[in-house]
Amino acid sequence: MLVLTRHANQSIMIGTDVVVTVLEVRGDQVRLGITAPRSVDVHREEIFVTLQKAKESS
């Protein structure tokens, strides 16, 4: 796992076309903005797991 420190309004790049930007840090919550091509699915982990389980059961 890569661990990075970023402040609000700073970003990281994933590959050449995905940008993750820290929008706000408030207490123990961090708001992130993700810019990615429409061909890249972006989900919260719990939603992703639910979708995978639904695929497996069908």
Protein backbone atom coordinates (compact mmCIF):
# COMPACT_ATOMS: atom_id res chain seq x y z
CA MET A 1 0.00 0.00 0.00
CA LEU A 2 1.24 3.45 -0.92
CA VAL A 3 0.54 6.04 1.78
CA LEU A 4 0.57 9.72 0.80
CA THR A 5 -0.06 12.91 2.70
CA ARG A 6 -2.13 15.55 0.89
CA HIS A 7 -3.84 18.75 1.95
CA ALA A 8 -7.15 20.17 0.74
CA ASN A 9 -7.09 21.02 -2.98
CA GLN A 10 -4.08 18.77 -3.62
CA SER A 11 -4.34 15.78 -5.96
CA ILE A 12 -2.75 12.48 -6.85
CA MET A 13 -2.66 10.87 -10.29
CA ILE A 14 -3.50 7.22 -10.92
CA GLY A 15 -2.13 6.30 -14.30
CA THR A 16 -2.51 9.09 -16.84
CA ASP A 17 -6.24 9.67 -16.70
CA VAL A 18 -7.51 9.33 -13.11
CA VAL A 19 -7.13 12.24 -10.70
CA VAL A 20 -8.06 12.01 -7.00
CA THR A 21 -8.36 15.40 -5.30
CA VAL A 22 -8.75 16.08 -1.58
CA LEU A 23 -11.69 18.47 -1.41
CA GLU A 24 -12.07 18.85 2.34
CA VAL A 25 -10.79 17.44 5.61
CA ARG A 26 -13.18 17.78 8.54
CA GLY A 27 -12.39 15.89 11.73
CA ASP A 28 -12.05 12.21 10.84
CA GLN A 29 -13.74 12.57 7.44
CA VAL A 30 -12.08 13.31 4.13
CA ARG A 31 -14.04 14.35 1.02
CA LEU A 32 -12.46 13.23 -2.23
CA GLY A 33 -13.21 14.21 -5.80
CA ILE A 34 -12.39 11.70 -8.51
CA THR A 35 -11.99 12.59 -12.16
CA ALA A 36 -11.90 9.57 -14.46
CA PRO A 37 -12.96 8.68 -17.99
CA ARG A 38 -16.52 7.37 -18.34
CA SER A 39 -15.06 3.98 -19.23
CA VAL A 40 -13.64 3.63 -15.69
CA ASP A 41 -16.11 2.48 -13.03
CA VAL A 42 -15.70 4.30 -9.70
CA HIS A 43 -17.54 2.92 -6.66
CA ARG A 44 -17.24 3.02 -2.89
CA GLU A 45 -15.78 -0.28 -1.71
CA GLU A 46 -18.99 -1.49 -0.04
CA ILE A 47 -20.96 -0.86 -3.25
CA PHE A 48 -18.31 -2.62 -5.32
CA VAL A 49 -18.47 -5.70 -3.05
CA THR A 50 -22.28 -5.75 -3.29
CA LEU A 51 -22.12 -5.56 -7.09
CA GLN A 52 -19.54 -8.37 -7.23
CA LYS A 53 -21.68 -10.62 -5.02
CA ALA A 54 -24.72 -9.93 -7.20
CA LYS A 55 -22.71 -10.88 -10.32
CA GLU A 56 -21.53 -14.12 -8.70
CA SER A 57 -25.02 -15.15 -7.64
CA SER A 58 -26.61 -14.59 -11.07
